[in-house]
Every structure is written in structure tokens, then in C-alpha cells.
Amino acid sequence: MVQPSATNRVGHGHAIEGAPATHWNTEGVPAASTVRSDAGSALVLVVLSTGVLVTLGLVLALVSTVETDVVATTAEGTQALALAEAAAEQVMSDLSGLPSWDNALAGAVTSPFFDGAAGPRSFGGTRVDLSRETALLLCDAITCGGRSLDAVTANRPWGRNNPRWRVFASGRTASLVGQALGVRPGYAVVWIGDDPAENDADPLKDGGPPVAEAGTGVNPGQDVVVLRVAAWGARGAHRELELTVERADLQAHTGLRVRVWRELRGAVP
């Protein structure tokens, strides 16, 4: 009779000859199965933990990137607004020294801060077309060919007294404020137009005699003009202002003061 080299215990001490030995734990479950089960659970836990950590890392990286972009965009927008305000201040100083605003309205006189009234400008990776921007103000289109500037529209409801916007000032940031440390590339333009409250049907002349249909001998827009200011910066920053200015001394037609100063949003695409 051949003796088995090992026995396998079953139940309460019964042995099966010829079978490989298996160790049992106190609960009656094979010990090898318990080890394999614990190892599998640990592996799943490690995989899940790794996935959670990777996800958290990606979220933190995304949040950090977005916050950096928001801060940078806000800073560029703030500088563009400051540039628009500086350009407006420059133009008000220029206008206060002119004895008449008629030549400015006709485009015959401009600010010393002026590098042209038409064509494209490029700066800091941004491109601006002055011809396009002026046309949008004049006729709500990128070109005014064949369009009447006297047409009554939602943006220009004054008919023959619609402003004939002329570029009075234009240029890069450095030309206006110098090469100060931290100043980013930018461009500003200021248009001048006759006050649409006038009743002389002549938007190239300030305070002309009222037309007969006005029914009055007083022109309420005399010694008043409107300024449209736009400034662009890096990262697509764009800020706009609209100012209504008038003579400080209406009798002597001298000086200048601000009647309305407001920021516009999205007025010039």
C-alpha cells in the first residue's frame, strides 16, 4: 500500500488520501483564498486613490490657469480704459485752445496726438482698421459706399443732424504716455462729432442758424460737441467712452467743461 505524502483535512479531522495539503483558517475558509481576496481589494483601492489624486491635480492646474488668464485679462482691460481716459483728456486740452470747433468737425484740424485717420494699425498682436471703425460709427456698416449719412436709424436717429464723425486724435500708447515701465502696447482713437441736439442741419458746423422747420431761433447745440473714444490693448482688451463737452464760458466761447462722461460697452464691434 502506497502512503500519501500529504493529507487534506476536511470537516472535523477527516483526511483525503493523495490530495495536496491545504491550510484552513479558523472560519473554515482556505487561507490562500483570503490572501488573494485581500490583495485584490488593495489593488482596487490603490487604483481608485490614484485616479482621485490625478483628477484633483488636473482640476487644480485648470483652476490655476483660468485664474491667471482672468487676472491678465482684467489687467489689460484696466490699462485699455486708462489709455482711453488719457486720450480723452488730451483731446479736451486740445479743443479748449481752439477758437472755433468748425475745422475740427470738418477734419481740417487734428490733435498733435494723431497718426492718421484711415487704414489698419497693428500693435502687440492686435490689428485695428480705422476706416472700418469710422464707417461703423457713420453708417452702421463696415463701408459707407452708397449709404446716406442722413438716414434715420436706431443708432443715428437725428437725420440731417447725424454726427459726421472725424478722427481727431489717434496713436499708440507710447506716443501718448511715453515708454513708462510696465506700459503695455495699445492704441487709442478719438472721433469728434457735432452735438446731435443741434437744429441747423449742418453737422460740419458748430451752432449754425436753425433751419426754418426747427421753429425757433435758438440752436441748443451751440458750443457743444461729442467725442467717441476707443482704446485697444493686448489680449483683445477694448474699452470705449463717450463724452459730451461744451464751452466753459458760453458768452466768450472759451474754455471747456464736461457735460457727460460715460463708458460704453460693445458700441463699436
C-alpha atoms as a PDB file:
ATOM      1  CA  MET A   1       0.000   0.000   0.000  1.00  0.00           C
ATOM      2  CA  VAL A   2       1.387   3.406  -1.024  1.00  0.00           C
ATOM      3  CA  GLN A   3       1.308   6.022   1.711  1.00  0.00           C
ATOM      4  CA  PRO A   4       0.247   9.549   0.650  1.00  0.00           C
ATOM      5  CA  SER A   5       2.846  12.204   1.199  1.00  0.00           C
ATOM      6  CA  ALA A   6       0.284  14.651   2.448  1.00  0.00           C
ATOM      7  CA  THR A   7      -3.334  14.725   3.517  1.00  0.00           C
ATOM      8  CA  ASN A   8      -6.046  17.293   3.210  1.00  0.00           C
ATOM      9  CA  ARG A   9      -8.169  17.788   6.278  1.00  0.00           C
ATOM     10  CA  VAL A  10     -11.901  18.117   5.748  1.00  0.00           C
ATOM     11  CA  GLY A  11     -14.536  18.893   8.316  1.00  0.00           C
ATOM     12  CA  HIS A  12     -13.584  17.627  11.751  1.00  0.00           C
ATOM     13  CA  GLY A  13     -10.367  15.782  11.033  1.00  0.00           C
ATOM     14  CA  HIS A  14     -11.316  13.588   8.060  1.00  0.00           C
ATOM     15  CA  ALA A  15      -8.493  13.153   5.571  1.00  0.00           C
ATOM     16  CA  ILE A  16      -8.473  12.504   1.857  1.00  0.00           C
ATOM     17  CA  GLU A  17      -5.501  10.477   0.800  1.00  0.00           C
ATOM     18  CA  GLY A  18      -3.476  11.550  -2.188  1.00  0.00           C
ATOM     19  CA  ALA A  19      -4.707  15.163  -2.232  1.00  0.00           C
ATOM     20  CA  PRO A  20      -2.383  18.147  -1.781  1.00  0.00           C
ATOM     21  CA  ALA A  21      -2.463  19.764   1.621  1.00  0.00           C
ATOM     22  CA  THR A  22      -4.480  22.944   2.131  1.00  0.00           C
ATOM     23  CA  HIS A  23      -4.366  25.081   5.258  1.00  0.00           C
ATOM     24  CA  TRP A  24      -7.656  26.273   6.729  1.00  0.00           C
ATOM     25  CA  ASN A  25      -8.326  29.271   8.900  1.00  0.00           C
ATOM     26  CA  THR A  26     -10.484  29.354  11.971  1.00  0.00           C
ATOM     27  CA  GLU A  27     -13.618  30.281   9.953  1.00  0.00           C
ATOM     28  CA  GLY A  28     -13.299  27.227   7.790  1.00  0.00           C
ATOM     29  CA  VAL A  29     -12.175  29.201   4.712  1.00  0.00           C
ATOM     30  CA  PRO A  30      -8.980  28.287   2.841  1.00  0.00           C
ATOM     31  CA  ALA A  31      -6.225  30.692   3.906  1.00  0.00           C
ATOM     32  CA  ALA A  32      -4.857  31.107   0.333  1.00  0.00           C
ATOM     33  CA  SER A  33      -8.244  32.420  -0.896  1.00  0.00           C
ATOM     34  CA  THR A  34      -8.295  35.023   1.876  1.00  0.00           C
ATOM     35  CA  VAL A  35      -4.840  36.307   0.899  1.00  0.00           C
ATOM     36  CA  ARG A  36      -5.846  36.580  -2.761  1.00  0.00           C
ATOM     37  CA  SER A  37      -9.060  38.420  -1.844  1.00  0.00           C
ATOM     38  CA  ASP A  38      -7.198  40.924   0.352  1.00  0.00           C
ATOM     39  CA  ALA A  39      -4.621  41.574  -2.376  1.00  0.00           C
ATOM     40  CA  GLY A  40      -7.340  42.229  -4.972  1.00  0.00           C
ATOM     41  CA  SER A  41      -9.121  44.689  -2.697  1.00  0.00           C
ATOM     42  CA  ALA A  42      -5.890  46.560  -2.022  1.00  0.00           C
ATOM     43  CA  LEU A  43      -5.175  46.853  -5.752  1.00  0.00           C
ATOM     44  CA  VAL A  44      -8.620  48.315  -6.448  1.00  0.00           C
ATOM     45  CA  LEU A  45      -8.166  50.792  -3.598  1.00  0.00           C
ATOM     46  CA  VAL A  46      -4.779  51.885  -4.948  1.00  0.00           C
ATOM     47  CA  VAL A  47      -6.204  52.389  -8.460  1.00  0.00           C
ATOM     48  CA  LEU A  48      -9.148  54.414  -7.162  1.00  0.00           C
ATOM     49  CA  SER A  49      -6.913  56.558  -4.950  1.00  0.00           C
ATOM     50  CA  THR A  50      -4.553  57.236  -7.834  1.00  0.00           C
ATOM     51  CA  GLY A  51      -7.468  58.254 -10.058  1.00  0.00           C
ATOM     52  CA  VAL A  52      -8.778  60.661  -7.428  1.00  0.00           C
ATOM     53  CA  LEU A  53      -5.339  62.251  -6.952  1.00  0.00           C
ATOM     54  CA  VAL A  54      -4.816  62.634 -10.700  1.00  0.00           C
ATOM     55  CA  THR A  55      -8.251  64.235 -11.080  1.00  0.00           C
ATOM     56  CA  LEU A  56      -7.594  66.661  -8.235  1.00  0.00           C
ATOM     57  CA  GLY A  57      -4.252  67.587  -9.781  1.00  0.00           C
ATOM     58  CA  LEU A  58      -5.861  68.315 -13.153  1.00  0.00           C
ATOM     59  CA  VAL A  59      -8.603  70.392 -11.539  1.00  0.00           C
ATOM     60  CA  LEU A  60      -6.082  72.441  -9.574  1.00  0.00           C
ATOM     61  CA  ALA A  61      -3.991  73.015 -12.701  1.00  0.00           C
ATOM     62  CA  LEU A  62      -7.075  74.135 -14.649  1.00  0.00           C
ATOM     63  CA  VAL A  63      -8.195  76.489 -11.876  1.00  0.00           C
ATOM     64  CA  SER A  64      -4.725  77.986 -11.659  1.00  0.00           C
ATOM     65  CA  THR A  65      -4.599  78.538 -15.439  1.00  0.00           C
ATOM     66  CA  VAL A  66      -8.062  80.114 -15.547  1.00  0.00           C
ATOM     67  CA  GLU A  67      -7.267  82.426 -12.627  1.00  0.00           C
ATOM     68  CA  THR A  68      -4.045  83.516 -14.320  1.00  0.00           C
ATOM     69  CA  ASP A  69      -5.923  84.309 -17.560  1.00  0.00           C
ATOM     70  CA  VAL A  70      -8.639  86.213 -15.684  1.00  0.00           C
ATOM     71  CA  VAL A  71      -6.087  88.323 -13.828  1.00  0.00           C
ATOM     72  CA  ALA A  72      -4.159  89.062 -17.028  1.00  0.00           C
ATOM     73  CA  THR A  73      -7.332  89.949 -18.970  1.00  0.00           C
ATOM     74  CA  THR A  74      -8.545  92.215 -16.175  1.00  0.00           C
ATOM     75  CA  ALA A  75      -5.195  93.993 -16.072  1.00  0.00           C
ATOM     76  CA  GLU A  76      -5.215  94.538 -19.851  1.00  0.00           C
ATOM     77  CA  GLY A  77      -8.775  95.855 -19.714  1.00  0.00           C
ATOM     78  CA  THR A  78      -7.888  98.266 -16.927  1.00  0.00           C
ATOM     79  CA  GLN A  79      -4.940  99.576 -18.910  1.00  0.00           C
ATOM     80  CA  ALA A  80      -7.085  99.970 -22.042  1.00  0.00           C
ATOM     81  CA  LEU A  81      -9.589 102.035 -20.048  1.00  0.00           C
ATOM     82  CA  ALA A  82      -6.765 104.171 -18.652  1.00  0.00           C
ATOM     83  CA  LEU A  83      -5.497 104.709 -22.197  1.00  0.00           C
ATOM     84  CA  ALA A  84      -8.974 105.784 -23.367  1.00  0.00           C
ATOM     85  CA  GLU A  85      -9.219 108.258 -20.490  1.00  0.00           C
ATOM     86  CA  ALA A  86      -5.760 109.648 -21.238  1.00  0.00           C
ATOM     87  CA  ALA A  87      -6.709 110.151 -24.895  1.00  0.00           C
ATOM     88  CA  ALA A  88      -9.925 111.916 -23.873  1.00  0.00           C
ATOM     89  CA  GLU A  89      -8.005 114.239 -21.560  1.00  0.00           C
ATOM     90  CA  GLN A  90      -5.543 115.052 -24.345  1.00  0.00           C
ATOM     91  CA  VAL A  91      -8.337 115.919 -26.774  1.00  0.00           C
ATOM     92  CA  MET A  92     -10.185 118.097 -24.269  1.00  0.00           C
ATOM     93  CA  SER A  93      -6.995 120.042 -23.702  1.00  0.00           C
ATOM     94  CA  ASP A  94      -6.572 120.466 -27.467  1.00  0.00           C
ATOM     95  CA  LEU A  95     -10.172 121.590 -28.018  1.00  0.00           C
ATOM     96  CA  SER A  96     -10.081 124.099 -25.183  1.00  0.00           C
ATOM     97  CA  GLY A  97      -7.395 126.045 -27.053  1.00  0.00           C
ATOM     98  CA  LEU A  98      -9.275 126.258 -30.371  1.00  0.00           C
ATOM     99  CA  PRO A  99     -11.205 129.487 -31.039  1.00  0.00           C
ATOM    100  CA  SER A 100     -13.684 127.562 -33.196  1.00  0.00           C
ATOM    101  CA  TRP A 101     -14.559 123.875 -33.442  1.00  0.00           C
ATOM    102  CA  ASP A 102     -15.754 124.053 -37.046  1.00  0.00           C
ATOM    103  CA  ASN A 103     -12.410 122.999 -38.530  1.00  0.00           C
ATOM    104  CA  ALA A 104     -12.175 120.069 -36.125  1.00  0.00           C
ATOM    105  CA  LEU A 105     -15.680 118.947 -37.147  1.00  0.00           C
ATOM    106  CA  ALA A 106     -14.681 119.174 -40.805  1.00  0.00           C
ATOM    107  CA  GLY A 107     -11.462 117.213 -40.258  1.00  0.00           C
ATOM    108  CA  ALA A 108      -9.234 120.150 -41.174  1.00  0.00           C
ATOM    109  CA  VAL A 109      -7.692 120.406 -37.694  1.00  0.00           C
ATOM    110  CA  THR A 110      -6.490 117.499 -35.571  1.00  0.00           C
ATOM    111  CA  SER A 111      -4.787 116.894 -32.266  1.00  0.00           C
ATOM    112  CA  PRO A 112      -0.974 116.734 -32.080  1.00  0.00           C
ATOM    113  CA  PHE A 113      -1.620 113.154 -30.951  1.00  0.00           C
ATOM    114  CA  PHE A 114      -2.509 111.949 -34.440  1.00  0.00           C
ATOM    115  CA  ASP A 115      -1.069 109.312 -36.755  1.00  0.00           C
ATOM    116  CA  GLY A 116      -3.759 109.277 -39.425  1.00  0.00           C
ATOM    117  CA  ALA A 117      -7.479 108.797 -39.883  1.00  0.00           C
ATOM    118  CA  ALA A 118      -7.678 105.696 -42.074  1.00  0.00           C
ATOM    119  CA  GLY A 119      -6.150 102.309 -42.681  1.00  0.00           C
ATOM    120  CA  PRO A 120      -5.008  99.429 -40.478  1.00  0.00           C
ATOM    121  CA  ARG A 121      -2.859  99.652 -37.346  1.00  0.00           C
ATOM    122  CA  SER A 122      -1.030  96.755 -35.694  1.00  0.00           C
ATOM    123  CA  PHE A 123       0.334  96.619 -32.155  1.00  0.00           C
ATOM    124  CA  GLY A 124       1.037  93.876 -29.649  1.00  0.00           C
ATOM    125  CA  GLY A 125      -0.536  91.203 -31.845  1.00  0.00           C
ATOM    126  CA  THR A 126      -3.748  93.222 -32.292  1.00  0.00           C
ATOM    127  CA  ARG A 127      -4.954  94.801 -35.534  1.00  0.00           C
ATOM    128  CA  VAL A 128      -7.348  97.753 -35.827  1.00  0.00           C
ATOM    129  CA  ASP A 129      -8.718  99.206 -39.074  1.00  0.00           C
ATOM    130  CA  LEU A 130      -9.559 102.888 -38.577  1.00  0.00           C
ATOM    131  CA  SER A 131     -11.518 103.047 -41.839  1.00  0.00           C
ATOM    132  CA  ARG A 132     -13.770 100.218 -40.672  1.00  0.00           C
ATOM    133  CA  GLU A 133     -14.270 101.648 -37.194  1.00  0.00           C
ATOM    134  CA  THR A 134     -15.169 105.072 -38.595  1.00  0.00           C
ATOM    135  CA  ALA A 135     -17.630 103.576 -41.071  1.00  0.00           C
ATOM    136  CA  LEU A 136     -19.366 101.678 -38.274  1.00  0.00           C
ATOM    137  CA  LEU A 137     -19.937 104.965 -36.469  1.00  0.00           C
ATOM    138  CA  LEU A 138     -21.063 106.814 -39.594  1.00  0.00           C
ATOM    139  CA  CYS A 139     -23.454 104.303 -41.141  1.00  0.00           C
ATOM    140  CA  ASP A 140     -23.563 101.103 -39.038  1.00  0.00           C
ATOM    141  CA  ALA A 141     -21.641  99.188 -41.713  1.00  0.00           C
ATOM    142  CA  ILE A 142     -18.012  98.378 -42.461  1.00  0.00           C
ATOM    143  CA  THR A 143     -18.184 100.661 -45.503  1.00  0.00           C
ATOM    144  CA  CYS A 144     -20.498 103.577 -46.236  1.00  0.00           C
ATOM    145  CA  GLY A 145     -20.438 103.323 -50.030  1.00  0.00           C
ATOM    146  CA  GLY A 146     -23.912 104.094 -51.363  1.00  0.00           C
ATOM    147  CA  ARG A 147     -25.349 104.739 -47.908  1.00  0.00           C
ATOM    148  CA  SER A 148     -26.849 108.049 -46.827  1.00  0.00           C
ATOM    149  CA  LEU A 149     -25.290 109.552 -43.745  1.00  0.00           C
ATOM    150  CA  ASP A 150     -28.594 111.352 -43.150  1.00  0.00           C
ATOM    151  CA  ALA A 151     -30.538 108.095 -42.894  1.00  0.00           C
ATOM    152  CA  VAL A 152     -32.538 107.731 -39.700  1.00  0.00           C
ATOM    153  CA  THR A 153     -31.551 104.545 -37.844  1.00  0.00           C
ATOM    154  CA  ALA A 154     -31.664 103.257 -34.292  1.00  0.00           C
ATOM    155  CA  ASN A 155     -28.095 104.444 -33.676  1.00  0.00           C
ATOM    156  CA  ARG A 156     -28.411 107.642 -35.737  1.00  0.00           C
ATOM    157  CA  PRO A 157     -31.954 108.984 -35.321  1.00  0.00           C
ATOM    158  CA  TRP A 158     -31.187 112.671 -35.959  1.00  0.00           C
ATOM    159  CA  GLY A 159     -31.349 112.647 -39.765  1.00  0.00           C
ATOM    160  CA  ARG A 160     -29.582 115.664 -41.254  1.00  0.00           C
ATOM    161  CA  ASN A 161     -28.050 116.417 -37.856  1.00  0.00           C
ATOM    162  CA  ASN A 162     -26.419 112.981 -37.581  1.00  0.00           C
ATOM    163  CA  PRO A 163     -22.785 113.498 -36.489  1.00  0.00           C
ATOM    164  CA  ARG A 164     -20.174 113.216 -39.236  1.00  0.00           C
ATOM    165  CA  TRP A 165     -17.546 111.520 -37.107  1.00  0.00           C
ATOM    166  CA  ARG A 166     -13.977 112.624 -37.863  1.00  0.00           C
ATOM    167  CA  VAL A 167     -10.825 111.157 -36.359  1.00  0.00           C
ATOM    168  CA  PHE A 168      -9.393 113.998 -34.294  1.00  0.00           C
ATOM    169  CA  ALA A 169      -6.733 112.028 -32.387  1.00  0.00           C
ATOM    170  CA  SER A 170      -5.090 108.639 -32.865  1.00  0.00           C
ATOM    171  CA  GLY A 171      -1.930 106.826 -31.909  1.00  0.00           C
ATOM    172  CA  ARG A 172      -0.142 104.198 -29.900  1.00  0.00           C
ATOM    173  CA  THR A 173       0.179 104.169 -26.142  1.00  0.00           C
ATOM    174  CA  ALA A 174       3.836 105.161 -26.202  1.00  0.00           C
ATOM    175  CA  SER A 175       3.053 108.269 -28.260  1.00  0.00           C
ATOM    176  CA  LEU A 176       0.594 109.446 -25.637  1.00  0.00           C
ATOM    177  CA  VAL A 177       2.064 108.425 -22.284  1.00  0.00           C
ATOM    178  CA  GLY A 178       5.668 107.606 -23.144  1.00  0.00           C
ATOM    179  CA  GLN A 179       7.703 104.456 -22.576  1.00  0.00           C
ATOM    180  CA  ALA A 180       6.964 104.091 -18.870  1.00  0.00           C
ATOM    181  CA  LEU A 181       7.857 100.831 -17.139  1.00  0.00           C
ATOM    182  CA  GLY A 182       5.016  98.343 -17.286  1.00  0.00           C
ATOM    183  CA  VAL A 183       3.071 100.101 -20.050  1.00  0.00           C
ATOM    184  CA  ARG A 184       1.710  97.536 -22.474  1.00  0.00           C
ATOM    185  CA  PRO A 185       1.182  98.040 -26.235  1.00  0.00           C
ATOM    186  CA  GLY A 186      -2.099  99.717 -27.086  1.00  0.00           C
ATOM    187  CA  TYR A 187      -3.841 102.069 -29.471  1.00  0.00           C
ATOM    188  CA  ALA A 188      -6.382 104.847 -28.957  1.00  0.00           C
ATOM    189  CA  VAL A 189      -8.549 106.861 -31.322  1.00  0.00           C
ATOM    190  CA  VAL A 190     -10.880 109.810 -30.651  1.00  0.00           C
ATOM    191  CA  TRP A 191     -13.634 110.849 -33.034  1.00  0.00           C
ATOM    192  CA  ILE A 192     -15.331 114.244 -32.861  1.00  0.00           C
ATOM    193  CA  GLY A 193     -18.893 114.938 -33.965  1.00  0.00           C
ATOM    194  CA  ASP A 194     -21.354 117.802 -33.773  1.00  0.00           C
ATOM    195  CA  ASP A 195     -23.912 117.697 -30.992  1.00  0.00           C
ATOM    196  CA  PRO A 196     -26.964 115.900 -32.465  1.00  0.00           C
ATOM    197  CA  ALA A 197     -29.236 118.219 -30.474  1.00  0.00           C
ATOM    198  CA  GLU A 198     -28.427 120.971 -32.982  1.00  0.00           C
ATOM    199  CA  ASN A 199     -31.104 122.089 -35.400  1.00  0.00           C
ATOM    200  CA  ASP A 200     -29.037 123.676 -38.163  1.00  0.00           C
ATOM    201  CA  ALA A 201     -28.893 120.558 -40.405  1.00  0.00           C
ATOM    202  CA  ASP A 202     -25.144 121.176 -40.793  1.00  0.00           C
ATOM    203  CA  PRO A 203     -23.100 118.624 -38.795  1.00  0.00           C
ATOM    204  CA  LEU A 204     -19.832 120.145 -40.009  1.00  0.00           C
ATOM    205  CA  LYS A 205     -20.540 123.467 -38.345  1.00  0.00           C
ATOM    206  CA  ASP A 206     -20.971 124.138 -34.652  1.00  0.00           C
ATOM    207  CA  GLY A 207     -24.006 126.211 -33.744  1.00  0.00           C
ATOM    208  CA  GLY A 208     -25.201 127.376 -37.154  1.00  0.00           C
ATOM    209  CA  PRO A 209     -28.529 129.175 -37.568  1.00  0.00           C
ATOM    210  CA  PRO A 210     -31.515 126.857 -37.063  1.00  0.00           C
ATOM    211  CA  VAL A 211     -33.424 125.663 -40.106  1.00  0.00           C
ATOM    212  CA  ALA A 212     -36.919 127.041 -40.647  1.00  0.00           C
ATOM    213  CA  GLU A 213     -38.667 123.821 -39.635  1.00  0.00           C
ATOM    214  CA  ALA A 214     -36.965 123.994 -36.230  1.00  0.00           C
ATOM    215  CA  GLY A 215     -39.488 126.663 -35.289  1.00  0.00           C
ATOM    216  CA  THR A 216     -37.021 128.556 -33.120  1.00  0.00           C
ATOM    217  CA  GLY A 217     -34.175 130.976 -33.497  1.00  0.00           C
ATOM    218  CA  VAL A 218     -32.076 129.251 -30.837  1.00  0.00           C
ATOM    219  CA  ASN A 219     -29.660 126.413 -31.546  1.00  0.00           C
ATOM    220  CA  PRO A 220     -29.370 124.308 -28.330  1.00  0.00           C
ATOM    221  CA  GLY A 221     -26.253 122.575 -29.603  1.00  0.00           C
ATOM    222  CA  GLN A 222     -24.083 125.644 -29.994  1.00  0.00           C
ATOM    223  CA  ASP A 223     -20.667 125.315 -28.371  1.00  0.00           C
ATOM    224  CA  VAL A 224     -21.270 121.606 -27.733  1.00  0.00           C
ATOM    225  CA  VAL A 225     -19.545 118.636 -29.390  1.00  0.00           C
ATOM    226  CA  VAL A 226     -19.481 114.889 -28.760  1.00  0.00           C
ATOM    227  CA  LEU A 227     -16.352 112.723 -28.501  1.00  0.00           C
ATOM    228  CA  ARG A 228     -16.198 108.987 -29.071  1.00  0.00           C
ATOM    229  CA  VAL A 229     -13.103 107.322 -27.668  1.00  0.00           C
ATOM    230  CA  ALA A 230     -11.914 103.763 -28.258  1.00  0.00           C
ATOM    231  CA  ALA A 231      -8.786 102.101 -26.910  1.00  0.00           C
ATOM    232  CA  TRP A 232      -7.424  98.634 -27.602  1.00  0.00           C
ATOM    233  CA  GLY A 233      -4.817  96.651 -25.712  1.00  0.00           C
ATOM    234  CA  ALA A 234      -3.260  93.213 -25.660  1.00  0.00           C
ATOM    235  CA  ARG A 235      -5.317  90.007 -25.271  1.00  0.00           C
ATOM    236  CA  GLY A 236      -8.280  91.583 -27.045  1.00  0.00           C
ATOM    237  CA  ALA A 237      -8.835  94.298 -24.430  1.00  0.00           C
ATOM    238  CA  HIS A 238     -11.195  97.031 -25.687  1.00  0.00           C
ATOM    239  CA  ARG A 239     -12.705  99.997 -23.863  1.00  0.00           C
ATOM    240  CA  GLU A 240     -14.864 102.861 -25.123  1.00  0.00           C
ATOM    241  CA  LEU A 241     -16.014 106.220 -23.811  1.00  0.00           C
ATOM    242  CA  GLU A 242     -18.489 108.837 -24.921  1.00  0.00           C
ATOM    243  CA  LEU A 243     -18.136 112.443 -23.812  1.00  0.00           C
ATOM    244  CA  THR A 244     -20.284 115.488 -24.413  1.00  0.00           C
ATOM    245  CA  VAL A 245     -18.225 118.641 -23.880  1.00  0.00           C
ATOM    246  CA  GLU A 246     -19.142 122.312 -24.046  1.00  0.00           C
ATOM    247  CA  ARG A 247     -17.524 125.707 -23.744  1.00  0.00           C
ATOM    248  CA  ALA A 248     -16.875 126.670 -20.156  1.00  0.00           C
ATOM    249  CA  ASP A 249     -17.752 130.269 -20.984  1.00  0.00           C
ATOM    250  CA  LEU A 250     -20.744 130.266 -23.318  1.00  0.00           C
ATOM    251  CA  GLN A 251     -20.583 134.029 -23.795  1.00  0.00           C
ATOM    252  CA  ALA A 252     -16.914 134.292 -24.714  1.00  0.00           C
ATOM    253  CA  HIS A 253     -16.871 130.824 -26.368  1.00  0.00           C
ATOM    254  CA  THR A 254     -13.716 129.853 -24.492  1.00  0.00           C
ATOM    255  CA  GLY A 255     -12.534 127.059 -22.245  1.00  0.00           C
ATOM    256  CA  LEU A 256     -14.097 123.638 -21.967  1.00  0.00           C
ATOM    257  CA  ARG A 257     -16.035 121.566 -19.448  1.00  0.00           C
ATOM    258  CA  VAL A 258     -17.520 118.082 -19.474  1.00  0.00           C
ATOM    259  CA  ARG A 259     -21.277 117.751 -19.586  1.00  0.00           C
ATOM    260  CA  VAL A 260     -21.403 113.913 -19.926  1.00  0.00           C
ATOM    261  CA  TRP A 261     -18.694 111.297 -19.445  1.00  0.00           C
ATOM    262  CA  ARG A 262     -19.681 107.638 -19.686  1.00  0.00           C
ATOM    263  CA  GLU A 263     -18.174 104.302 -20.550  1.00  0.00           C
ATOM    264  CA  LEU A 264     -19.724 102.336 -23.387  1.00  0.00           C
ATOM    265  CA  ARG A 265     -19.856  98.578 -23.757  1.00  0.00           C
ATOM    266  CA  GLY A 266     -19.781  96.990 -27.201  1.00  0.00           C
ATOM    267  CA  ALA A 267     -20.761 100.122 -29.126  1.00  0.00           C
ATOM    268  CA  VAL A 268     -18.001  99.679 -31.722  1.00  0.00           C
ATOM    269  CA  PRO A 269     -17.573  95.985 -32.715  1.00  0.00           C
END
